[in-house]
Amino acid sequence: MATIVNKNLVSNRLQMVLNAGTDVNGNAVTVSRSISYVNPEATAENLMACAEALDALCDNTVTSVYNVQKNLLQKVESEEGGN
């Protein structure tokens, strides 16, 4: 028997990392903000356009943009056909 694995999208979110300045030692400080329940059909261009629009509304500058997807993997046993 061969093992087949199904991959099912559970959640999809847009995460932005923003520059929040520096700490007392001069190290960069960042914060992240996430938007959940993002349409899984949204393209990378759509997500970047959204992040850029939100960046214009923020006091801090967006330094990184991520599309974070969580998938459930499930094993499905299947019989290999033969006779």
PDB file of N, CA and C in Angstrom:
ATOM      1  N   MET A   1       0.834  -1.181   0.000  1.00  0.00           N
ATOM      2  CA  MET A   1       0.000   0.000   0.000  1.00  0.00           C
ATOM      3  C   MET A   1       0.881   1.248   0.000  1.00  0.00           C
ATOM      4  N   ALA A   2       0.445   2.207  -0.764  1.00  0.00           N
ATOM      5  CA  ALA A   2       1.147   3.485  -0.823  1.00  0.00           C
ATOM      6  C   ALA A   2       0.472   4.464   0.134  1.00  0.00           C
ATOM      7  N   THR A   3       1.247   5.345   0.670  1.00  0.00           N
ATOM      8  CA  THR A   3       0.697   6.359   1.569  1.00  0.00           C
ATOM      9  C   THR A   3       0.524   7.654   0.797  1.00  0.00           C
ATOM     10  N   ILE A   4      -0.666   8.215   0.874  1.00  0.00           N
ATOM     11  CA  ILE A   4      -0.962   9.509   0.269  1.00  0.00           C
ATOM     12  C   ILE A   4      -1.206  10.479   1.415  1.00  0.00           C
ATOM     13  N   VAL A   5      -0.712  11.689   1.269  1.00  0.00           N
ATOM     14  CA  VAL A   5      -0.896  12.696   2.310  1.00  0.00           C
ATOM     15  C   VAL A   5      -1.715  13.851   1.732  1.00  0.00           C
ATOM     16  N   ASN A   6      -2.827  14.158   2.392  1.00  0.00           N
ATOM     17  CA  ASN A   6      -3.642  15.306   2.017  1.00  0.00           C
ATOM     18  C   ASN A   6      -3.181  16.522   2.809  1.00  0.00           C
ATOM     19  N   LYS A   7      -3.177  17.667   2.151  1.00  0.00           N
ATOM     20  CA  LYS A   7      -2.775  18.919   2.777  1.00  0.00           C
ATOM     21  C   LYS A   7      -3.980  19.858   2.729  1.00  0.00           C
ATOM     22  N   ASN A   8      -4.476  20.259   3.911  1.00  0.00           N
ATOM     23  CA  ASN A   8      -5.652  21.122   3.998  1.00  0.00           C
ATOM     24  C   ASN A   8      -5.312  22.411   4.734  1.00  0.00           C
ATOM     25  N   LEU A   9      -5.576  23.527   4.081  1.00  0.00           N
ATOM     26  CA  LEU A   9      -5.308  24.839   4.674  1.00  0.00           C
ATOM     27  C   LEU A   9      -6.240  25.065   5.864  1.00  0.00           C
ATOM     28  N   VAL A  10      -5.646  25.383   7.022  1.00  0.00           N
ATOM     29  CA  VAL A  10      -6.401  25.619   8.242  1.00  0.00           C
ATOM     30  C   VAL A  10      -6.526  27.117   8.508  1.00  0.00           C
ATOM     31  N   SER A  11      -5.436  27.848   8.318  1.00  0.00           N
ATOM     32  CA  SER A  11      -5.476  29.297   8.537  1.00  0.00           C
ATOM     33  C   SER A  11      -4.488  29.987   7.606  1.00  0.00           C
ATOM     34  N   ASN A  12      -4.781  31.237   7.330  1.00  0.00           N
ATOM     35  CA  ASN A  12      -3.972  32.043   6.427  1.00  0.00           C
ATOM     36  C   ASN A  12      -3.960  33.459   6.982  1.00  0.00           C
ATOM     37  N   ARG A  13      -2.767  34.008   7.231  1.00  0.00           N
ATOM     38  CA  ARG A  13      -2.707  35.360   7.786  1.00  0.00           C
ATOM     39  C   ARG A  13      -1.584  36.168   7.169  1.00  0.00           C
ATOM     40  N   LEU A  14      -1.738  37.465   7.251  1.00  0.00           N
ATOM     41  CA  LEU A  14      -0.736  38.419   6.804  1.00  0.00           C
ATOM     42  C   LEU A  14      -0.037  38.938   8.050  1.00  0.00           C
ATOM     43  N   GLN A  15       1.289  38.844   8.073  1.00  0.00           N
ATOM     44  CA  GLN A  15       2.048  39.329   9.229  1.00  0.00           C
ATOM     45  C   GLN A  15       3.019  40.395   8.755  1.00  0.00           C
ATOM     46  N   MET A  16       3.014  41.516   9.465  1.00  0.00           N
ATOM     47  CA  MET A  16       3.919  42.620   9.145  1.00  0.00           C
ATOM     48  C   MET A  16       4.844  42.856  10.336  1.00  0.00           C
ATOM     49  N   VAL A  17       6.116  43.035  10.059  1.00  0.00           N
ATOM     50  CA  VAL A  17       7.090  43.374  11.098  1.00  0.00           C
ATOM     51  C   VAL A  17       7.413  44.853  10.922  1.00  0.00           C
ATOM     52  N   LEU A  18       7.289  45.608  12.011  1.00  0.00           N
ATOM     53  CA  LEU A  18       7.502  47.056  11.967  1.00  0.00           C
ATOM     54  C   LEU A  18       8.702  47.461  12.816  1.00  0.00           C
ATOM     55  N   ASN A  19       9.408  48.468  12.365  1.00  0.00           N
ATOM     56  CA  ASN A  19      10.535  49.035  13.097  1.00  0.00           C
ATOM     57  C   ASN A  19       9.963  49.912  14.202  1.00  0.00           C
ATOM     58  N   ALA A  20      10.279  49.585  15.448  1.00  0.00           N
ATOM     59  CA  ALA A  20       9.762  50.343  16.588  1.00  0.00           C
ATOM     60  C   ALA A  20      10.849  51.186  17.244  1.00  0.00           C
ATOM     61  N   GLY A  21      11.955  51.409  16.534  1.00  0.00           N
ATOM     62  CA  GLY A  21      13.029  52.237  17.077  1.00  0.00           C
ATOM     63  C   GLY A  21      14.168  51.398  17.619  1.00  0.00           C
ATOM     64  N   THR A  22      14.817  51.927  18.658  1.00  0.00           N
ATOM     65  CA  THR A  22      15.952  51.232  19.262  1.00  0.00           C
ATOM     66  C   THR A  22      15.783  51.201  20.775  1.00  0.00           C
ATOM     67  N   ASP A  23      16.451  50.218  21.388  1.00  0.00           N
ATOM     68  CA  ASP A  23      16.421  50.136  22.844  1.00  0.00           C
ATOM     69  C   ASP A  23      17.550  50.984  23.421  1.00  0.00           C
ATOM     70  N   VAL A  24      17.750  50.930  24.735  1.00  0.00           N
ATOM     71  CA  VAL A  24      18.758  51.762  25.402  1.00  0.00           C
ATOM     72  C   VAL A  24      20.182  51.406  24.963  1.00  0.00           C
ATOM     73  N   ASN A  25      20.374  50.194  24.437  1.00  0.00           N
ATOM     74  CA  ASN A  25      21.693  49.779  23.965  1.00  0.00           C
ATOM     75  C   ASN A  25      21.902  50.033  22.477  1.00  0.00           C
ATOM     76  N   GLY A  26      20.922  50.638  21.834  1.00  0.00           N
ATOM     77  CA  GLY A  26      21.047  50.934  20.411  1.00  0.00           C
ATOM     78  C   GLY A  26      20.634  49.791  19.492  1.00  0.00           C
ATOM     79  N   ASN A  27      20.092  48.726  20.051  1.00  0.00           N
ATOM     80  CA  ASN A  27      19.640  47.595  19.243  1.00  0.00           C
ATOM     81  C   ASN A  27      18.264  47.887  18.656  1.00  0.00           C
ATOM     82  N   ALA A  28      18.059  47.418  17.438  1.00  0.00           N
ATOM     83  CA  ALA A  28      16.771  47.614  16.781  1.00  0.00           C
ATOM     84  C   ALA A  28      15.668  46.872  17.531  1.00  0.00           C
ATOM     85  N   VAL A  29      14.516  47.517  17.655  1.00  0.00           N
ATOM     86  CA  VAL A  29      13.343  46.918  18.281  1.00  0.00           C
ATOM     87  C   VAL A  29      12.272  46.803  17.209  1.00  0.00           C
ATOM     88  N   THR A  30      11.689  45.622  17.089  1.00  0.00           N
ATOM     89  CA  THR A  30      10.619  45.421  16.117  1.00  0.00           C
ATOM     90  C   THR A  30       9.373  44.905  16.821  1.00  0.00           C
ATOM     91  N   VAL A  31       8.248  45.145  16.197  1.00  0.00           N
ATOM     92  CA  VAL A  31       6.973  44.606  16.652  1.00  0.00           C
ATOM     93  C   VAL A  31       6.302  43.977  15.445  1.00  0.00           C
ATOM     94  N   SER A  32       5.437  43.006  15.693  1.00  0.00           N
ATOM     95  CA  SER A  32       4.723  42.409  14.569  1.00  0.00           C
ATOM     96  C   SER A  32       3.229  42.590  14.760  1.00  0.00           C
ATOM     97  N   ARG A  33       2.546  42.741  13.654  1.00  0.00           N
ATOM     98  CA  ARG A  33       1.090  42.867  13.636  1.00  0.00           C
ATOM     99  C   ARG A  33       0.571  41.871  12.615  1.00  0.00           C
ATOM    100  N   SER A  34      -0.509  41.190  12.960  1.00  0.00           N
ATOM    101  CA  SER A  34      -1.062  40.168  12.074  1.00  0.00           C
ATOM    102  C   SER A  34      -2.515  40.447  11.751  1.00  0.00           C
ATOM    103  N   ILE A  35      -2.888  40.052  10.562  1.00  0.00           N
ATOM    104  CA  ILE A  35      -4.276  40.097  10.127  1.00  0.00           C
ATOM    105  C   ILE A  35      -4.655  38.663   9.799  1.00  0.00           C
ATOM    106  N   SER A  36      -5.633  38.145  10.519  1.00  0.00           N
ATOM    107  CA  SER A  36      -6.055  36.752  10.332  1.00  0.00           C
ATOM    108  C   SER A  36      -7.201  36.656   9.336  1.00  0.00           C
ATOM    109  N   TYR A  37      -7.520  35.433   8.993  1.00  0.00           N
ATOM    110  CA  TYR A  37      -8.631  35.115   8.097  1.00  0.00           C
ATOM    111  C   TYR A  37      -8.455  35.747   6.711  1.00  0.00           C
ATOM    112  N   VAL A  38      -7.221  35.708   6.214  1.00  0.00           N
ATOM    113  CA  VAL A  38      -6.930  36.230   4.883  1.00  0.00           C
ATOM    114  C   VAL A  38      -7.449  35.232   3.845  1.00  0.00           C
ATOM    115  N   ASN A  39      -8.066  35.745   2.808  1.00  0.00           N
ATOM    116  CA  ASN A  39      -8.584  34.897   1.733  1.00  0.00           C
ATOM    117  C   ASN A  39      -7.437  34.076   1.150  1.00  0.00           C
ATOM    118  N   PRO A  40      -7.560  32.752   1.127  1.00  0.00           N
ATOM    119  CA  PRO A  40      -6.469  31.923   0.614  1.00  0.00           C
ATOM    120  C   PRO A  40      -6.198  32.128  -0.872  1.00  0.00           C
ATOM    121  N   GLU A  41      -7.121  32.756  -1.581  1.00  0.00           N
ATOM    122  CA  GLU A  41      -6.922  33.008  -3.001  1.00  0.00           C
ATOM    123  C   GLU A  41      -6.219  34.341  -3.268  1.00  0.00           C
ATOM    124  N   ALA A  42      -5.924  35.098  -2.220  1.00  0.00           N
ATOM    125  CA  ALA A  42      -5.219  36.370  -2.382  1.00  0.00           C
ATOM    126  C   ALA A  42      -3.822  36.109  -2.932  1.00  0.00           C
ATOM    127  N   THR A  43      -3.439  36.881  -3.928  1.00  0.00           N
ATOM    128  CA  THR A  43      -2.107  36.720  -4.523  1.00  0.00           C
ATOM    129  C   THR A  43      -1.057  37.440  -3.683  1.00  0.00           C
ATOM    130  N   ALA A  44       0.188  37.145  -3.952  1.00  0.00           N
ATOM    131  CA  ALA A  44       1.290  37.832  -3.268  1.00  0.00           C
ATOM    132  C   ALA A  44       1.210  39.336  -3.524  1.00  0.00           C
ATOM    133  N   GLU A  45       0.826  39.715  -4.740  1.00  0.00           N
ATOM    134  CA  GLU A  45       0.699  41.131  -5.089  1.00  0.00           C
ATOM    135  C   GLU A  45      -0.415  41.793  -4.276  1.00  0.00           C
ATOM    136  N   ASN A  46      -1.543  41.080  -4.081  1.00  0.00           N
ATOM    137  CA  ASN A  46      -2.653  41.605  -3.267  1.00  0.00           C
ATOM    138  C   ASN A  46      -2.211  41.823  -1.828  1.00  0.00           C
ATOM    139  N   LEU A  47      -1.496  40.844  -1.283  1.00  0.00           N
ATOM    140  CA  LEU A  47      -1.050  40.934   0.103  1.00  0.00           C
ATOM    141  C   LEU A  47      -0.049  42.066   0.298  1.00  0.00           C
ATOM    142  N   MET A  48       0.861  42.226  -0.648  1.00  0.00           N
ATOM    143  CA  MET A  48       1.843  43.306  -0.543  1.00  0.00           C
ATOM    144  C   MET A  48       1.158  44.667  -0.658  1.00  0.00           C
ATOM    145  N   ALA A  49       0.187  44.777  -1.554  1.00  0.00           N
ATOM    146  CA  ALA A  49      -0.550  46.040  -1.697  1.00  0.00           C
ATOM    147  C   ALA A  49      -1.279  46.381  -0.402  1.00  0.00           C
ATOM    148  N   CYS A  50      -1.852  45.384   0.247  1.00  0.00           N
ATOM    149  CA  CYS A  50      -2.527  45.579   1.529  1.00  0.00           C
ATOM    150  C   CYS A  50      -1.532  46.048   2.586  1.00  0.00           C
ATOM    151  N   ALA A  51      -0.384  45.391   2.657  1.00  0.00           N
ATOM    152  CA  ALA A  51       0.644  45.765   3.639  1.00  0.00           C
ATOM    153  C   ALA A  51       1.144  47.191   3.388  1.00  0.00           C
ATOM    154  N   GLU A  52       1.307  47.556   2.134  1.00  0.00           N
ATOM    155  CA  GLU A  52       1.774  48.912   1.812  1.00  0.00           C
ATOM    156  C   GLU A  52       0.728  49.956   2.189  1.00  0.00           C
ATOM    157  N   ALA A  53      -0.547  49.630   1.980  1.00  0.00           N
ATOM    158  CA  ALA A  53      -1.608  50.558   2.361  1.00  0.00           C
ATOM    159  C   ALA A  53      -1.655  50.730   3.872  1.00  0.00           C
ATOM    160  N   LEU A  54      -1.500  49.635   4.616  1.00  0.00           N
ATOM    161  CA  LEU A  54      -1.485  49.709   6.075  1.00  0.00           C
ATOM    162  C   LEU A  54      -0.239  50.429   6.580  1.00  0.00           C
ATOM    163  N   ASP A  55       0.883  50.254   5.879  1.00  0.00           N
ATOM    164  CA  ASP A  55       2.126  50.929   6.251  1.00  0.00           C
ATOM    165  C   ASP A  55       1.934  52.438   6.234  1.00  0.00           C
ATOM    166  N   ALA A  56       1.168  52.921   5.266  1.00  0.00           N
ATOM    167  CA  ALA A  56       0.929  54.357   5.160  1.00  0.00           C
ATOM    168  C   ALA A  56       0.145  54.901   6.357  1.00  0.00           C
ATOM    169  N   LEU A  57      -0.586  54.033   7.041  1.00  0.00           N
ATOM    170  CA  LEU A  57      -1.387  54.439   8.194  1.00  0.00           C
ATOM    171  C   LEU A  57      -0.660  54.283   9.524  1.00  0.00           C
ATOM    172  N   CYS A  58       0.498  53.610   9.517  1.00  0.00           N
ATOM    173  CA  CYS A  58       1.232  53.311  10.748  1.00  0.00           C
ATOM    174  C   CYS A  58       2.268  54.377  11.067  1.00  0.00           C
ATOM    175  N   ASP A  59       2.511  54.562  12.351  1.00  0.00           N
ATOM    176  CA  ASP A  59       3.584  55.457  12.779  1.00  0.00           C
ATOM    177  C   ASP A  59       4.946  54.835  12.519  1.00  0.00           C
ATOM    178  N   ASN A  60       5.053  53.514  12.653  1.00  0.00           N
ATOM    179  CA  ASN A  60       6.310  52.798  12.445  1.00  0.00           C
ATOM    180  C   ASN A  60       6.371  52.247  11.022  1.00  0.00           C
ATOM    181  N   THR A  61       7.564  52.094  10.493  1.00  0.00           N
ATOM    182  CA  THR A  61       7.760  51.608   9.130  1.00  0.00           C
ATOM    183  C   THR A  61       7.735  50.084   9.080  1.00  0.00           C
ATOM    184  N   VAL A  62       6.995  49.548   8.114  1.00  0.00           N
ATOM    185  CA  VAL A  62       6.963  48.102   7.901  1.00  0.00           C
ATOM    186  C   VAL A  62       8.293  47.689   7.282  1.00  0.00           C
ATOM    187  N   THR A  63       8.973  46.706   7.901  1.00  0.00           N
ATOM    188  CA  THR A  63      10.266  46.247   7.390  1.00  0.00           C
ATOM    189  C   THR A  63      10.182  44.893   6.687  1.00  0.00           C
ATOM    190  N   SER A  64       9.177  44.074   7.061  1.00  0.00           N
ATOM    191  CA  SER A  64       9.014  42.751   6.458  1.00  0.00           C
ATOM    192  C   SER A  64       7.533  42.411   6.391  1.00  0.00           C
ATOM    193  N   VAL A  65       7.183  41.635   5.357  1.00  0.00           N
ATOM    194  CA  VAL A  65       5.803  41.186   5.180  1.00  0.00           C
ATOM    195  C   VAL A  65       5.832  39.681   4.947  1.00  0.00           C
ATOM    196  N   TYR A  66       4.993  38.954   5.693  1.00  0.00           N
ATOM    197  CA  TYR A  66       4.924  37.500   5.573  1.00  0.00           C
ATOM    198  C   TYR A  66       3.492  37.059   5.314  1.00  0.00           C
ATOM    199  N   ASN A  67       3.349  36.015   4.523  1.00  0.00           N
ATOM    200  CA  ASN A  67       2.072  35.318   4.383  1.00  0.00           C
ATOM    201  C   ASN A  67       2.253  33.995   5.117  1.00  0.00           C
ATOM    202  N   VAL A  68       1.610  33.857   6.276  1.00  0.00           N
ATOM    203  CA  VAL A  68       1.781  32.692   7.125  1.00  0.00           C
ATOM    204  C   VAL A  68       0.585  31.763   6.935  1.00  0.00           C
ATOM    205  N   GLN A  69       0.870  30.565   6.445  1.00  0.00           N
ATOM    206  CA  GLN A  69      -0.188  29.582   6.230  1.00  0.00           C
ATOM    207  C   GLN A  69       0.048  28.382   7.141  1.00  0.00           C
ATOM    208  N   LYS A  70      -1.044  27.889   7.708  1.00  0.00           N
ATOM    209  CA  LYS A  70      -0.988  26.706   8.558  1.00  0.00           C
ATOM    210  C   LYS A  70      -1.808  25.623   7.865  1.00  0.00           C
ATOM    211  N   ASN A  71      -1.169  24.475   7.622  1.00  0.00           N
ATOM    212  CA  ASN A  71      -1.814  23.379   6.921  1.00  0.00           C
ATOM    213  C   ASN A  71      -1.887  22.141   7.796  1.00  0.00           C
ATOM    214  N   LEU A  72      -3.005  21.432   7.696  1.00  0.00           N
ATOM    215  CA  LEU A  72      -3.182  20.163   8.379  1.00  0.00           C
ATOM    216  C   LEU A  72      -2.820  19.059   7.396  1.00  0.00           C
ATOM    217  N   LEU A  73      -1.895  18.190   7.789  1.00  0.00           N
ATOM    218  CA  LEU A  73      -1.490  17.060   6.955  1.00  0.00           C
ATOM    219  C   LEU A  73      -2.140  15.801   7.496  1.00  0.00           C
ATOM    220  N   GLN A  74      -2.790  15.052   6.608  1.00  0.00           N
ATOM    221  CA  GLN A  74      -3.463  13.830   7.005  1.00  0.00           C
ATOM    222  C   GLN A  74      -3.050  12.696   6.090  1.00  0.00           C
ATOM    223  N   LYS A  75      -2.638  11.572   6.706  1.00  0.00           N
ATOM    224  CA  LYS A  75      -2.274  10.381   5.929  1.00  0.00           C
ATOM    225  C   LYS A  75      -3.544   9.665   5.507  1.00  0.00           C
ATOM    226  N   VAL A  76      -3.533   9.229   4.232  1.00  0.00           N
ATOM    227  CA  VAL A  76      -4.635   8.454   3.688  1.00  0.00           C
ATOM    228  C   VAL A  76      -4.039   7.198   3.098  1.00  0.00           C
ATOM    229  N   GLU A  77      -4.468   6.064   3.578  1.00  0.00           N
ATOM    230  CA  GLU A  77      -3.969   4.800   3.054  1.00  0.00           C
ATOM    231  C   GLU A  77      -4.725   4.469   1.778  1.00  0.00           C
ATOM    232  N   SER A  78      -4.014   4.046   0.771  1.00  0.00           N
ATOM    233  CA  SER A  78      -4.686   3.634  -0.468  1.00  0.00           C
ATOM    234  C   SER A  78      -4.080   2.330  -0.953  1.00  0.00           C
ATOM    235  N   GLU A  79      -4.907   1.535  -1.580  1.00  0.00           N
ATOM    236  CA  GLU A  79      -4.441   0.269  -2.121  1.00  0.00           C
ATOM    237  C   GLU A  79      -3.958   0.512  -3.543  1.00  0.00           C
ATOM    238  N   GLU A  80      -2.821  -0.040  -3.858  1.00  0.00           N
ATOM    239  CA  GLU A  80      -2.315   0.050  -5.225  1.00  0.00           C
ATOM    240  C   GLU A  80      -3.060  -0.969  -6.072  1.00  0.00           C
ATOM    241  N   GLY A  81      -3.616  -0.479  -7.157  1.00  0.00           N
ATOM    242  CA  GLY A  81      -4.370  -1.382  -8.044  1.00  0.00           C
ATOM    243  C   GLY A  81      -3.469  -2.399  -8.689  1.00  0.00           C
ATOM    244  N   GLY A  82      -4.017  -3.520  -8.988  1.00  0.00           N
ATOM    245  CA  GLY A  82      -3.195  -4.555  -9.562  1.00  0.00           C
ATOM    246  C   GLY A  82      -3.978  -5.426 -10.517  1.00  0.00           C
ATOM    247  N   ASN A  83      -4.813  -6.242 -10.069  1.00  0.00           N
ATOM    248  CA  ASN A  83      -5.435  -7.246 -10.896  1.00  0.00           C
ATOM    249  C   ASN A  83      -6.682  -6.726 -11.450  1.00  0.00           C
TER     250      ASN A  83
END
